[in-house]
Amino acid sequence: MSKINGYTEEEAKTLVEFIKDGKSKGKTLTYLFEAYGIERGRAKGSVRNYYYTLMKNADEDERIVKMLDGSSLSVEKIREF
């Protein structure tokens, strides 16, 4: 089974679709991370970290490019505190 940064490729696709759908409905990423975590039995911080890692590697992995399918999903630079 193919994995992308620890998630199965199928779960990575599911997360991207979940985020795309939620953003199109005006939901915040924070809300979406928590909702996805609850639905999938994952911590919201874990979902957030995975999403940011996925987006960071989007230019390097053709599978991620295909998942994003030209969507406007993006992330801002993470500011350390």
N, C-alpha and C. Protein backbone atom coordinates (compact mmCIF):
# COMPACT_ATOMS: atom_id res chain seq x y z
N MET A 1 0.84 -1.18 0.00
CA MET A 1 0.00 0.00 0.00
C MET A 1 0.89 1.24 0.00
N SER A 2 0.67 2.14 -0.92
CA SER A 2 1.48 3.34 -1.06
C SER A 2 1.16 4.35 0.04
N LYS A 3 2.21 4.94 0.60
CA LYS A 3 2.03 5.93 1.66
C LYS A 3 2.64 7.25 1.24
N ILE A 4 2.05 8.32 1.75
CA ILE A 4 2.56 9.66 1.55
C ILE A 4 2.75 10.26 2.92
N ASN A 5 4.00 10.41 3.34
CA ASN A 5 4.32 10.98 4.65
C ASN A 5 3.58 10.30 5.80
N GLY A 6 3.42 8.99 5.74
CA GLY A 6 2.83 8.25 6.85
C GLY A 6 1.36 7.91 6.71
N TYR A 7 0.62 8.63 5.87
CA TYR A 7 -0.79 8.31 5.63
C TYR A 7 -0.84 7.44 4.39
N THR A 8 -1.86 6.61 4.29
CA THR A 8 -2.05 5.89 3.04
C THR A 8 -2.40 6.92 1.98
N GLU A 9 -2.14 6.60 0.76
CA GLU A 9 -2.47 7.51 -0.34
C GLU A 9 -3.97 7.80 -0.36
N GLU A 10 -4.78 6.81 -0.04
CA GLU A 10 -6.23 6.99 -0.02
C GLU A 10 -6.64 7.98 1.07
N GLU A 11 -6.04 7.87 2.26
CA GLU A 11 -6.40 8.80 3.33
C GLU A 11 -5.90 10.22 3.00
N ALA A 12 -4.76 10.33 2.35
CA ALA A 12 -4.27 11.65 1.94
C ALA A 12 -5.27 12.29 0.97
N LYS A 13 -5.78 11.49 0.03
CA LYS A 13 -6.79 11.99 -0.92
C LYS A 13 -8.05 12.42 -0.17
N THR A 14 -8.47 11.61 0.79
CA THR A 14 -9.66 11.92 1.57
C THR A 14 -9.49 13.23 2.33
N LEU A 15 -8.32 13.43 2.93
CA LEU A 15 -8.06 14.68 3.65
C LEU A 15 -8.10 15.87 2.71
N VAL A 16 -7.45 15.77 1.56
CA VAL A 16 -7.45 16.88 0.61
C VAL A 16 -8.87 17.20 0.16
N GLU A 17 -9.67 16.19 -0.15
CA GLU A 17 -11.06 16.42 -0.56
C GLU A 17 -11.87 17.05 0.58
N PHE A 18 -11.65 16.59 1.79
CA PHE A 18 -12.34 17.13 2.96
C PHE A 18 -12.01 18.62 3.12
N ILE A 19 -10.73 18.96 2.98
CA ILE A 19 -10.31 20.35 3.12
C ILE A 19 -10.86 21.20 1.97
N LYS A 20 -10.78 20.69 0.74
CA LYS A 20 -11.32 21.43 -0.41
C LYS A 20 -12.81 21.73 -0.22
N ASP A 21 -13.56 20.70 0.17
CA ASP A 21 -15.00 20.85 0.36
C ASP A 21 -15.30 21.84 1.48
N GLY A 22 -14.60 21.70 2.59
CA GLY A 22 -14.83 22.59 3.72
C GLY A 22 -14.49 24.03 3.42
N LYS A 23 -13.36 24.25 2.73
CA LYS A 23 -12.96 25.61 2.37
C LYS A 23 -13.98 26.24 1.43
N SER A 24 -14.55 25.45 0.52
CA SER A 24 -15.55 25.98 -0.40
C SER A 24 -16.83 26.38 0.32
N LYS A 25 -17.02 25.84 1.53
CA LYS A 25 -18.18 26.18 2.35
C LYS A 25 -17.85 27.24 3.39
N GLY A 26 -16.64 27.81 3.30
CA GLY A 26 -16.25 28.90 4.19
C GLY A 26 -15.72 28.48 5.55
N LYS A 27 -15.41 27.21 5.72
CA LYS A 27 -14.89 26.72 7.01
C LYS A 27 -13.42 27.07 7.15
N THR A 28 -12.98 27.27 8.38
CA THR A 28 -11.58 27.57 8.65
C THR A 28 -10.77 26.28 8.68
N LEU A 29 -9.47 26.41 8.45
CA LEU A 29 -8.62 25.23 8.53
C LEU A 29 -8.65 24.65 9.94
N THR A 30 -8.64 25.50 10.95
CA THR A 30 -8.67 25.00 12.33
C THR A 30 -9.90 24.13 12.56
N TYR A 31 -11.05 24.59 12.11
CA TYR A 31 -12.27 23.81 12.25
C TYR A 31 -12.16 22.50 11.48
N LEU A 32 -11.65 22.57 10.26
CA LEU A 32 -11.55 21.37 9.42
C LEU A 32 -10.59 20.35 9.99
N PHE A 33 -9.47 20.80 10.55
CA PHE A 33 -8.52 19.87 11.17
C PHE A 33 -9.18 19.13 12.32
N GLU A 34 -9.92 19.87 13.14
CA GLU A 34 -10.58 19.25 14.28
C GLU A 34 -11.68 18.29 13.83
N ALA A 35 -12.51 18.73 12.87
CA ALA A 35 -13.61 17.89 12.38
C ALA A 35 -13.07 16.61 11.73
N TYR A 36 -12.03 16.74 10.93
CA TYR A 36 -11.45 15.55 10.29
C TYR A 36 -10.87 14.62 11.35
N GLY A 37 -10.20 15.19 12.33
CA GLY A 37 -9.62 14.38 13.41
C GLY A 37 -10.68 13.60 14.16
N ILE A 38 -11.77 14.26 14.47
CA ILE A 38 -12.87 13.58 15.17
C ILE A 38 -13.43 12.45 14.30
N GLU A 39 -13.65 12.75 13.03
CA GLU A 39 -14.21 11.76 12.11
C GLU A 39 -13.30 10.56 11.91
N ARG A 40 -11.98 10.78 11.92
CA ARG A 40 -11.02 9.73 11.60
C ARG A 40 -10.25 9.20 12.81
N GLY A 41 -10.57 9.71 14.00
CA GLY A 41 -9.88 9.23 15.19
C GLY A 41 -8.43 9.68 15.27
N ARG A 42 -8.17 10.89 14.81
CA ARG A 42 -6.83 11.46 14.86
C ARG A 42 -6.87 12.78 15.63
N ALA A 43 -5.77 13.14 16.23
CA ALA A 43 -5.68 14.41 16.94
C ALA A 43 -5.66 15.55 15.92
N LYS A 44 -6.33 16.66 16.25
CA LYS A 44 -6.37 17.78 15.29
C LYS A 44 -4.97 18.29 14.98
N GLY A 45 -4.07 18.28 15.96
CA GLY A 45 -2.70 18.72 15.73
C GLY A 45 -1.99 17.80 14.75
N SER A 46 -2.28 16.54 14.83
CA SER A 46 -1.69 15.56 13.92
C SER A 46 -2.19 15.80 12.49
N VAL A 47 -3.47 16.09 12.37
CA VAL A 47 -4.06 16.36 11.05
C VAL A 47 -3.44 17.64 10.49
N ARG A 48 -3.34 18.67 11.33
CA ARG A 48 -2.74 19.94 10.91
C ARG A 48 -1.30 19.72 10.42
N ASN A 49 -0.51 19.03 11.23
CA ASN A 49 0.88 18.79 10.87
C ASN A 49 0.98 18.02 9.56
N TYR A 50 0.12 17.03 9.38
CA TYR A 50 0.15 16.26 8.15
C TYR A 50 -0.21 17.14 6.95
N TYR A 51 -1.25 17.95 7.09
CA TYR A 51 -1.68 18.82 6.00
C TYR A 51 -0.56 19.77 5.60
N TYR A 52 0.09 20.39 6.58
CA TYR A 52 1.17 21.31 6.27
C TYR A 52 2.35 20.59 5.60
N THR A 53 2.67 19.40 6.05
CA THR A 53 3.74 18.62 5.43
C THR A 53 3.36 18.25 4.00
N LEU A 54 2.11 17.86 3.81
CA LEU A 54 1.62 17.50 2.48
C LEU A 54 1.74 18.69 1.54
N MET A 55 1.30 19.85 1.98
CA MET A 55 1.35 21.04 1.14
C MET A 55 2.80 21.48 0.87
N LYS A 56 3.65 21.32 1.87
CA LYS A 56 5.05 21.69 1.71
C LYS A 56 5.72 20.84 0.63
N ASN A 57 5.31 19.59 0.52
CA ASN A 57 5.91 18.66 -0.44
C ASN A 57 5.15 18.59 -1.77
N ALA A 58 4.18 19.46 -1.94
CA ALA A 58 3.33 19.40 -3.14
C ALA A 58 4.12 19.57 -4.43
N ASP A 59 5.18 20.35 -4.41
CA ASP A 59 5.96 20.57 -5.63
C ASP A 59 6.86 19.39 -5.96
N GLU A 60 7.09 18.53 -4.99
CA GLU A 60 8.06 17.44 -5.16
C GLU A 60 7.43 16.08 -5.44
N ASP A 61 6.13 15.95 -5.25
CA ASP A 61 5.48 14.65 -5.37
C ASP A 61 4.30 14.75 -6.33
N GLU A 62 4.41 14.09 -7.45
CA GLU A 62 3.38 14.13 -8.48
C GLU A 62 2.01 13.64 -7.97
N ARG A 63 2.03 12.70 -7.03
CA ARG A 63 0.75 12.21 -6.48
C ARG A 63 0.00 13.33 -5.78
N ILE A 64 0.71 14.19 -5.08
CA ILE A 64 0.08 15.31 -4.37
C ILE A 64 -0.45 16.33 -5.37
N VAL A 65 0.31 16.59 -6.42
CA VAL A 65 -0.13 17.52 -7.47
C VAL A 65 -1.45 17.03 -8.05
N LYS A 66 -1.55 15.73 -8.32
CA LYS A 66 -2.79 15.16 -8.87
C LYS A 66 -3.95 15.31 -7.89
N MET A 67 -3.67 15.11 -6.58
CA MET A 67 -4.73 15.24 -5.57
C MET A 67 -5.26 16.66 -5.52
N LEU A 68 -4.37 17.63 -5.60
CA LEU A 68 -4.76 19.03 -5.51
C LEU A 68 -5.52 19.47 -6.76
N ASP A 69 -5.25 18.83 -7.88
CA ASP A 69 -6.00 19.03 -9.12
C ASP A 69 -6.28 20.50 -9.42
N GLY A 70 -5.24 21.33 -9.31
CA GLY A 70 -5.39 22.75 -9.64
C GLY A 70 -6.18 23.56 -8.63
N SER A 71 -6.47 22.99 -7.47
CA SER A 71 -7.24 23.72 -6.48
C SER A 71 -6.41 24.87 -5.92
N SER A 72 -7.07 25.77 -5.25
CA SER A 72 -6.39 26.93 -4.69
C SER A 72 -5.93 26.70 -3.26
N LEU A 73 -5.88 25.45 -2.82
CA LEU A 73 -5.42 25.18 -1.47
C LEU A 73 -3.98 25.63 -1.33
N SER A 74 -3.70 26.25 -0.21
CA SER A 74 -2.33 26.71 0.05
C SER A 74 -2.15 26.84 1.55
N VAL A 75 -0.92 27.09 1.94
CA VAL A 75 -0.62 27.33 3.35
C VAL A 75 0.31 28.52 3.43
N GLU A 76 0.18 29.24 4.53
CA GLU A 76 1.10 30.34 4.77
C GLU A 76 2.33 29.79 5.45
N LYS A 77 3.39 30.57 5.40
CA LYS A 77 4.61 30.18 6.08
C LYS A 77 4.32 30.07 7.57
N ILE A 78 4.79 28.99 8.17
CA ILE A 78 4.56 28.77 9.60
C ILE A 78 5.49 29.69 10.37
N ARG A 79 4.89 30.47 11.29
CA ARG A 79 5.68 31.37 12.12
C ARG A 79 5.94 30.70 13.45
N GLU A 80 7.20 30.53 13.76
CA GLU A 80 7.56 29.92 15.03
C GLU A 80 7.35 30.94 16.13
N PHE A 81 7.01 30.45 17.32
CA PHE A 81 6.81 31.35 18.46
C PHE A 81 7.67 30.94 19.62
